[in-house]
């Protein structure tokens, strides 16, 4: 299964290496997220793109379920920055 998933993801690498998102972006993950490399990938993505990154306290992979108030506050703050 891991080998097949690796092949599947490898097929997307070339297509997404220069991906540009033409709208504002807010990256969010839970401080207790232990799913794959979610934390590492988000930190690197924020570093390379300068997209804002918010780490949600007391939350794991489903941060919006684990700490919905903090996620909603983050989204509200992000939306308030948009023109």
PDB file of N, CA and C in Angstrom:
ATOM      1  N   UNK A   1       0.823  -1.194   0.000  1.00  0.00           N
ATOM      2  CA  UNK A   1       0.000   0.000   0.000  1.00  0.00           C
ATOM      3  C   UNK A   1       0.872   1.265   0.000  1.00  0.00           C
ATOM      4  N   UNK A   2       1.886   1.254   0.859  1.00  0.00           N
ATOM      5  CA  UNK A   2       2.784   2.420   0.912  1.00  0.00           C
ATOM      6  C   UNK A   2       3.474   2.652  -0.431  1.00  0.00           C
ATOM      7  N   UNK A   3       3.900   1.563  -1.059  1.00  0.00           N
ATOM      8  CA  UNK A   3       4.558   1.674  -2.358  1.00  0.00           C
ATOM      9  C   UNK A   3       3.593   2.274  -3.393  1.00  0.00           C
ATOM     10  N   UNK A   4       2.367   1.804  -3.414  1.00  0.00           N
ATOM     11  CA  UNK A   4       1.377   2.326  -4.365  1.00  0.00           C
ATOM     12  C   UNK A   4       1.054   3.787  -4.102  1.00  0.00           C
ATOM     13  N   UNK A   5       0.934   4.142  -2.837  1.00  0.00           N
ATOM     14  CA  UNK A   5       0.672   5.552  -2.515  1.00  0.00           C
ATOM     15  C   UNK A   5       1.844   6.428  -2.941  1.00  0.00           C
ATOM     16  N   UNK A   6       3.068   5.931  -2.738  1.00  0.00           N
ATOM     17  CA  UNK A   6       4.251   6.676  -3.163  1.00  0.00           C
ATOM     18  C   UNK A   6       4.260   6.919  -4.658  1.00  0.00           C
ATOM     19  N   UNK A   7       3.868   5.918  -5.421  1.00  0.00           N
ATOM     20  CA  UNK A   7       3.784   6.076  -6.881  1.00  0.00           C
ATOM     21  C   UNK A   7       2.727   7.108  -7.252  1.00  0.00           C
ATOM     22  N   UNK A   8       1.605   7.044  -6.562  1.00  0.00           N
ATOM     23  CA  UNK A   8       0.533   8.004  -6.846  1.00  0.00           C
ATOM     24  C   UNK A   8       0.950   9.431  -6.566  1.00  0.00           C
ATOM     25  N   UNK A   9       1.559   9.662  -5.418  1.00  0.00           N
ATOM     26  CA  UNK A   9       2.015  11.007  -5.078  1.00  0.00           C
ATOM     27  C   UNK A   9       3.126  11.477  -6.003  1.00  0.00           C
ATOM     28  N   UNK A  10       4.003  10.585  -6.391  1.00  0.00           N
ATOM     29  CA  UNK A  10       5.110  10.947  -7.284  1.00  0.00           C
ATOM     30  C   UNK A  10       4.582  11.486  -8.607  1.00  0.00           C
ATOM     31  N   UNK A  11       3.433  10.986  -9.034  1.00  0.00           N
ATOM     32  CA  UNK A  11       2.840  11.457 -10.280  1.00  0.00           C
ATOM     33  C   UNK A  11       2.388  12.905 -10.219  1.00  0.00           C
ATOM     34  N   UNK A  12       2.127  13.401  -9.015  1.00  0.00           N
ATOM     35  CA  UNK A  12       1.665  14.784  -8.860  1.00  0.00           C
ATOM     36  C   UNK A  12       2.795  15.767  -8.634  1.00  0.00           C
ATOM     37  N   UNK A  13       3.969  15.286  -8.285  1.00  0.00           N
ATOM     38  CA  UNK A  13       5.064  16.185  -7.943  1.00  0.00           C
ATOM     39  C   UNK A  13       5.411  17.147  -9.065  1.00  0.00           C
ATOM     40  N   UNK A  14       5.547  16.639 -10.250  1.00  0.00           N
ATOM     41  CA  UNK A  14       5.921  17.483 -11.386  1.00  0.00           C
ATOM     42  C   UNK A  14       4.829  18.512 -11.685  1.00  0.00           C
ATOM     43  N   UNK A  15       3.580  18.083 -11.609  1.00  0.00           N
ATOM     44  CA  UNK A  15       2.468  18.990 -11.908  1.00  0.00           C
ATOM     45  C   UNK A  15       2.352  20.118 -10.898  1.00  0.00           C
ATOM     46  N   UNK A  16       2.694  19.868  -9.642  1.00  0.00           N
ATOM     47  CA  UNK A  16       2.459  20.837  -8.582  1.00  0.00           C
ATOM     48  C   UNK A  16       3.710  21.564  -8.101  1.00  0.00           C
ATOM     49  N   UNK A  17       4.842  21.350  -8.730  1.00  0.00           N
ATOM     50  CA  UNK A  17       6.067  21.953  -8.223  1.00  0.00           C
ATOM     51  C   UNK A  17       6.068  23.480  -8.343  1.00  0.00           C
ATOM     52  N   UNK A  18       5.393  24.027  -9.316  1.00  0.00           N
ATOM     53  CA  UNK A  18       5.326  25.483  -9.486  1.00  0.00           C
ATOM     54  C   UNK A  18       3.903  25.995  -9.314  1.00  0.00           C
ATOM     55  N   UNK A  19       3.145  25.335  -8.484  1.00  0.00           N
ATOM     56  CA  UNK A  19       1.749  25.686  -8.270  1.00  0.00           C
ATOM     57  C   UNK A  19       1.623  27.096  -7.709  1.00  0.00           C
ATOM     58  N   UNK A  20       0.790  27.889  -8.329  1.00  0.00           N
ATOM     59  CA  UNK A  20       0.500  29.226  -7.832  1.00  0.00           C
ATOM     60  C   UNK A  20      -0.989  29.298  -7.550  1.00  0.00           C
ATOM     61  N   UNK A  21      -1.328  29.741  -6.363  1.00  0.00           N
ATOM     62  CA  UNK A  21      -2.732  29.870  -5.980  1.00  0.00           C
ATOM     63  C   UNK A  21      -3.108  31.336  -6.151  1.00  0.00           C
ATOM     64  N   UNK A  22      -4.058  31.641  -7.040  1.00  0.00           N
ATOM     65  CA  UNK A  22      -4.362  33.029  -7.383  1.00  0.00           C
ATOM     66  C   UNK A  22      -5.331  33.721  -6.418  1.00  0.00           C
ATOM     67  N   UNK A  23      -5.346  33.296  -5.175  1.00  0.00           N
ATOM     68  CA  UNK A  23      -6.218  33.935  -4.183  1.00  0.00           C
ATOM     69  C   UNK A  23      -5.492  33.908  -2.842  1.00  0.00           C
ATOM     70  N   UNK A  24      -5.957  34.682  -1.882  1.00  0.00           N
ATOM     71  CA  UNK A  24      -5.309  34.685  -0.567  1.00  0.00           C
ATOM     72  C   UNK A  24      -5.347  33.299   0.076  1.00  0.00           C
ATOM     73  N   UNK A  25      -4.314  32.995   0.845  1.00  0.00           N
ATOM     74  CA  UNK A  25      -4.159  31.681   1.466  1.00  0.00           C
ATOM     75  C   UNK A  25      -3.859  31.846   2.951  1.00  0.00           C
ATOM     76  N   UNK A  26      -4.472  30.996   3.764  1.00  0.00           N
ATOM     77  CA  UNK A  26      -4.160  30.896   5.191  1.00  0.00           C
ATOM     78  C   UNK A  26      -3.899  29.429   5.490  1.00  0.00           C
ATOM     79  N   UNK A  27      -2.712  29.111   5.948  1.00  0.00           N
ATOM     80  CA  UNK A  27      -2.373  27.738   6.310  1.00  0.00           C
ATOM     81  C   UNK A  27      -2.680  27.527   7.791  1.00  0.00           C
ATOM     82  N   UNK A  28      -3.254  26.371   8.105  1.00  0.00           N
ATOM     83  CA  UNK A  28      -3.647  26.051   9.480  1.00  0.00           C
ATOM     84  C   UNK A  28      -3.328  24.585   9.752  1.00  0.00           C
ATOM     85  N   UNK A  29      -2.773  24.298  10.922  1.00  0.00           N
ATOM     86  CA  UNK A  29      -2.696  22.903  11.372  1.00  0.00           C
ATOM     87  C   UNK A  29      -2.717  22.872  12.894  1.00  0.00           C
ATOM     88  N   UNK A  30      -3.089  21.723  13.434  1.00  0.00           N
ATOM     89  CA  UNK A  30      -3.149  21.551  14.880  1.00  0.00           C
ATOM     90  C   UNK A  30      -1.783  21.255  15.452  1.00  0.00           C
ATOM     91  N   UNK A  31      -1.495  21.826  16.616  1.00  0.00           N
ATOM     92  CA  UNK A  31      -0.184  21.634  17.252  1.00  0.00           C
ATOM     93  C   UNK A  31       0.109  20.172  17.557  1.00  0.00           C
ATOM     94  N   UNK A  32      -0.924  19.358  17.727  1.00  0.00           N
ATOM     95  CA  UNK A  32      -0.747  17.943  18.067  1.00  0.00           C
ATOM     96  C   UNK A  32      -0.929  17.036  16.853  1.00  0.00           C
ATOM     97  N   UNK A  33      -0.926  17.606  15.670  1.00  0.00           N
ATOM     98  CA  UNK A  33      -1.103  16.818  14.449  1.00  0.00           C
ATOM     99  C   UNK A  33       0.088  15.879  14.275  1.00  0.00           C
ATOM    100  N   UNK A  34      -0.206  14.604  14.153  1.00  0.00           N
ATOM    101  CA  UNK A  34       0.837  13.601  13.965  1.00  0.00           C
ATOM    102  C   UNK A  34       0.620  12.822  12.669  1.00  0.00           C
ATOM    103  N   UNK A  35      -0.175  13.387  11.775  1.00  0.00           N
ATOM    104  CA  UNK A  35      -0.490  12.726  10.515  1.00  0.00           C
ATOM    105  C   UNK A  35       0.617  13.001   9.506  1.00  0.00           C
ATOM    106  N   UNK A  36       1.306  11.949   9.129  1.00  0.00           N
ATOM    107  CA  UNK A  36       2.358  12.092   8.120  1.00  0.00           C
ATOM    108  C   UNK A  36       3.304  13.229   8.441  1.00  0.00           C
ATOM    109  N   UNK A  37       3.517  14.069   7.453  1.00  0.00           N
ATOM    110  CA  UNK A  37       4.425  15.210   7.602  1.00  0.00           C
ATOM    111  C   UNK A  37       3.667  16.528   7.459  1.00  0.00           C
ATOM    112  N   UNK A  38       2.412  16.530   7.895  1.00  0.00           N
ATOM    113  CA  UNK A  38       1.567  17.718   7.763  1.00  0.00           C
ATOM    114  C   UNK A  38       2.256  18.953   8.346  1.00  0.00           C
ATOM    115  N   UNK A  39       2.782  18.831   9.552  1.00  0.00           N
ATOM    116  CA  UNK A  39       3.422  19.982  10.195  1.00  0.00           C
ATOM    117  C   UNK A  39       4.648  20.445   9.407  1.00  0.00           C
ATOM    118  N   UNK A  40       5.491  19.501   9.019  1.00  0.00           N
ATOM    119  CA  UNK A  40       6.701  19.850   8.266  1.00  0.00           C
ATOM    120  C   UNK A  40       6.359  20.504   6.930  1.00  0.00           C
ATOM    121  N   UNK A  41       5.405  19.912   6.212  1.00  0.00           N
ATOM    122  CA  UNK A  41       5.044  20.440   4.900  1.00  0.00           C
ATOM    123  C   UNK A  41       4.451  21.838   5.016  1.00  0.00           C
ATOM    124  N   UNK A  42       3.595  22.062   5.995  1.00  0.00           N
ATOM    125  CA  UNK A  42       3.001  23.387   6.159  1.00  0.00           C
ATOM    126  C   UNK A  42       4.036  24.429   6.545  1.00  0.00           C
ATOM    127  N   UNK A  43       4.941  24.063   7.424  1.00  0.00           N
ATOM    128  CA  UNK A  43       6.005  25.013   7.801  1.00  0.00           C
ATOM    129  C   UNK A  43       6.876  25.377   6.596  1.00  0.00           C
ATOM    130  N   UNK A  44       7.224  24.376   5.804  1.00  0.00           N
ATOM    131  CA  UNK A  44       8.046  24.626   4.627  1.00  0.00           C
ATOM    132  C   UNK A  44       7.280  25.433   3.586  1.00  0.00           C
ATOM    133  N   UNK A  45       6.009  25.112   3.407  1.00  0.00           N
ATOM    134  CA  UNK A  45       5.174  25.845   2.454  1.00  0.00           C
ATOM    135  C   UNK A  45       5.085  27.310   2.863  1.00  0.00           C
ATOM    136  N   UNK A  46       4.857  27.568   4.138  1.00  0.00           N
ATOM    137  CA  UNK A  46       4.786  28.949   4.623  1.00  0.00           C
ATOM    138  C   UNK A  46       6.120  29.660   4.431  1.00  0.00           C
ATOM    139  N   UNK A  47       7.201  28.957   4.696  1.00  0.00           N
ATOM    140  CA  UNK A  47       8.537  29.541   4.549  1.00  0.00           C
ATOM    141  C   UNK A  47       8.813  29.936   3.098  1.00  0.00           C
ATOM    142  N   UNK A  48       8.467  29.050   2.175  1.00  0.00           N
ATOM    143  CA  UNK A  48       8.771  29.307   0.758  1.00  0.00           C
ATOM    144  C   UNK A  48       7.835  30.323   0.106  1.00  0.00           C
ATOM    145  N   UNK A  49       6.598  30.370   0.549  1.00  0.00           N
ATOM    146  CA  UNK A  49       5.599  31.222  -0.114  1.00  0.00           C
ATOM    147  C   UNK A  49       5.236  32.465   0.674  1.00  0.00           C
ATOM    148  N   UNK A  50       5.609  32.483   1.946  1.00  0.00           N
ATOM    149  CA  UNK A  50       5.241  33.569   2.859  1.00  0.00           C
ATOM    150  C   UNK A  50       3.739  33.621   3.122  1.00  0.00           C
ATOM    151  N   UNK A  51       3.051  32.513   2.873  1.00  0.00           N
ATOM    152  CA  UNK A  51       1.646  32.425   3.271  1.00  0.00           C
ATOM    153  C   UNK A  51       1.607  32.405   4.794  1.00  0.00           C
ATOM    154  N   UNK A  52       0.606  33.064   5.385  1.00  0.00           N
ATOM    155  CA  UNK A  52       0.513  33.032   6.845  1.00  0.00           C
ATOM    156  C   UNK A  52       0.183  31.626   7.337  1.00  0.00           C
ATOM    157  N   UNK A  53       0.790  31.254   8.454  1.00  0.00           N
ATOM    158  CA  UNK A  53       0.593  29.932   9.046  1.00  0.00           C
ATOM    159  C   UNK A  53       0.120  30.104  10.475  1.00  0.00           C
ATOM    160  N   UNK A  54      -0.978  29.480  10.800  1.00  0.00           N
ATOM    161  CA  UNK A  54      -1.514  29.510  12.165  1.00  0.00           C
ATOM    162  C   UNK A  54      -1.526  28.095  12.716  1.00  0.00           C
ATOM    163  N   UNK A  55      -0.906  27.908  13.866  1.00  0.00           N
ATOM    164  CA  UNK A  55      -0.910  26.613  14.543  1.00  0.00           C
ATOM    165  C   UNK A  55      -1.976  26.675  15.627  1.00  0.00           C
ATOM    166  N   UNK A  56      -2.903  25.734  15.578  1.00  0.00           N
ATOM    167  CA  UNK A  56      -4.041  25.730  16.484  1.00  0.00           C
ATOM    168  C   UNK A  56      -3.706  24.930  17.744  1.00  0.00           C
ATOM    169  N   UNK A  57      -3.781  25.582  18.887  1.00  0.00           N
ATOM    170  CA  UNK A  57      -3.520  24.926  20.167  1.00  0.00           C
ATOM    171  C   UNK A  57      -4.597  23.887  20.480  1.00  0.00           C
ATOM    172  N   UNK A  58      -4.207  22.886  21.241  1.00  0.00           N
ATOM    173  CA  UNK A  58      -5.140  21.849  21.703  1.00  0.00           C
ATOM    174  C   UNK A  58      -5.899  21.201  20.552  1.00  0.00           C
ATOM    175  N   UNK A  59      -5.220  20.985  19.439  1.00  0.00           N
ATOM    176  CA  UNK A  59      -5.856  20.379  18.269  1.00  0.00           C
ATOM    177  C   UNK A  59      -4.873  19.458  17.572  1.00  0.00           C
ATOM    178  N   UNK A  60      -5.420  18.414  16.956  1.00  0.00           N
ATOM    179  CA  UNK A  60      -4.607  17.484  16.179  1.00  0.00           C
ATOM    180  C   UNK A  60      -4.949  17.662  14.695  1.00  0.00           C
ATOM    181  N   UNK A  61      -5.062  16.557  13.952  1.00  0.00           N
ATOM    182  CA  UNK A  61      -5.237  16.637  12.509  1.00  0.00           C
ATOM    183  C   UNK A  61      -6.564  17.292  12.103  1.00  0.00           C
ATOM    184  N   UNK A  62      -7.615  17.053  12.842  1.00  0.00           N
ATOM    185  CA  UNK A  62      -8.910  17.691  12.553  1.00  0.00           C
ATOM    186  C   UNK A  62      -9.084  18.890  13.474  1.00  0.00           C
ATOM    187  N   UNK A  63      -8.249  19.881  13.273  1.00  0.00           N
ATOM    188  CA  UNK A  63      -8.221  21.039  14.158  1.00  0.00           C
ATOM    189  C   UNK A  63      -9.579  21.720  14.256  1.00  0.00           C
ATOM    190  N   UNK A  64     -10.320  21.745  13.163  1.00  0.00           N
ATOM    191  CA  UNK A  64     -11.622  22.398  13.180  1.00  0.00           C
ATOM    192  C   UNK A  64     -12.626  21.661  14.069  1.00  0.00           C
ATOM    193  N   UNK A  65     -12.398  20.386  14.326  1.00  0.00           N
ATOM    194  CA  UNK A  65     -13.249  19.610  15.236  1.00  0.00           C
ATOM    195  C   UNK A  65     -12.678  19.687  16.654  1.00  0.00           C
ATOM    196  N   UNK A  66     -11.361  19.605  16.773  1.00  0.00           N
ATOM    197  CA  UNK A  66     -10.712  19.593  18.084  1.00  0.00           C
ATOM    198  C   UNK A  66     -10.805  20.941  18.794  1.00  0.00           C
ATOM    199  N   UNK A  67     -10.675  22.015  18.050  1.00  0.00           N
ATOM    200  CA  UNK A  67     -10.719  23.355  18.632  1.00  0.00           C
ATOM    201  C   UNK A  67     -11.412  24.306  17.642  1.00  0.00           C
ATOM    202  N   UNK A  68     -12.721  24.129  17.464  1.00  0.00           N
ATOM    203  CA  UNK A  68     -13.423  24.921  16.452  1.00  0.00           C
ATOM    204  C   UNK A  68     -13.385  26.426  16.709  1.00  0.00           C
ATOM    205  N   UNK A  69     -13.394  26.833  17.959  1.00  0.00           N
ATOM    206  CA  UNK A  69     -13.367  28.268  18.251  1.00  0.00           C
ATOM    207  C   UNK A  69     -12.077  28.903  17.755  1.00  0.00           C
ATOM    208  N   UNK A  70     -10.947  28.241  18.011  1.00  0.00           N
ATOM    209  CA  UNK A  70      -9.659  28.782  17.572  1.00  0.00           C
ATOM    210  C   UNK A  70      -9.562  28.811  16.051  1.00  0.00           C
ATOM    211  N   UNK A  71     -10.059  27.770  15.394  1.00  0.00           N
ATOM    212  CA  UNK A  71     -10.038  27.743  13.924  1.00  0.00           C
ATOM    213  C   UNK A  71     -10.932  28.847  13.372  1.00  0.00           C
ATOM    214  N   UNK A  72     -12.127  28.982  13.919  1.00  0.00           N
ATOM    215  CA  UNK A  72     -13.037  30.039  13.450  1.00  0.00           C
ATOM    216  C   UNK A  72     -12.449  31.423  13.682  1.00  0.00           C
ATOM    217  N   UNK A  73     -11.807  31.621  14.832  1.00  0.00           N
ATOM    218  CA  UNK A  73     -11.150  32.912  15.101  1.00  0.00           C
ATOM    219  C   UNK A  73     -10.051  33.186  14.090  1.00  0.00           C
ATOM    220  N   UNK A  74      -9.276  32.157  13.764  1.00  0.00           N
ATOM    221  CA  UNK A  74      -8.208  32.293  12.773  1.00  0.00           C
ATOM    222  C   UNK A  74      -8.788  32.675  11.411  1.00  0.00           C
ATOM    223  N   UNK A  75      -9.836  31.998  11.018  1.00  0.00           N
ATOM    224  CA  UNK A  75     -10.463  32.288   9.721  1.00  0.00           C
ATOM    225  C   UNK A  75     -11.053  33.693   9.717  1.00  0.00           C
ATOM    226  N   UNK A  76     -11.715  34.085  10.792  1.00  0.00           N
ATOM    227  CA  UNK A  76     -12.279  35.439  10.866  1.00  0.00           C
ATOM    228  C   UNK A  76     -11.175  36.496  10.755  1.00  0.00           C
ATOM    229  N   UNK A  77     -10.081  36.274  11.470  1.00  0.00           N
ATOM    230  CA  UNK A  77      -8.962  37.229  11.416  1.00  0.00           C
ATOM    231  C   UNK A  77      -8.380  37.310  10.006  1.00  0.00           C
ATOM    232  N   UNK A  78      -8.242  36.159   9.365  1.00  0.00           N
ATOM    233  CA  UNK A  78      -7.717  36.132   7.993  1.00  0.00           C
ATOM    234  C   UNK A  78      -8.656  36.879   7.047  1.00  0.00           C
ATOM    235  N   UNK A  79      -9.950  36.608   7.155  1.00  0.00           N
ATOM    236  CA  UNK A  79     -10.918  37.269   6.280  1.00  0.00           C
ATOM    237  C   UNK A  79     -10.921  38.788   6.499  1.00  0.00           C
ATOM    238  N   UNK A  80     -10.681  39.208   7.723  1.00  0.00           N
ATOM    239  CA  UNK A  80     -10.657  40.643   8.017  1.00  0.00           C
ATOM    240  C   UNK A  80      -9.495  41.351   7.346  1.00  0.00           C
ATOM    241  N   UNK A  81      -8.456  40.612   6.973  1.00  0.00           N
ATOM    242  CA  UNK A  81      -7.302  41.225   6.317  1.00  0.00           C
ATOM    243  C   UNK A  81      -7.519  41.405   4.813  1.00  0.00           C
ATOM    244  N   UNK A  82      -8.567  40.784   4.290  1.00  0.00           N
ATOM    245  CA  UNK A  82      -8.809  40.842   2.845  1.00  0.00           C
ATOM    246  C   UNK A  82      -9.554  42.118   2.487  1.00  0.00           C
ATOM    247  N   UNK A  83      -9.303  42.601   1.301  1.00  0.00           N
ATOM    248  CA  UNK A  83      -9.972  43.829   0.847  1.00  0.00           C
ATOM    249  C   UNK A  83     -11.118  43.507  -0.049  1.00  0.00           C
TER     250      UNK A  83
END
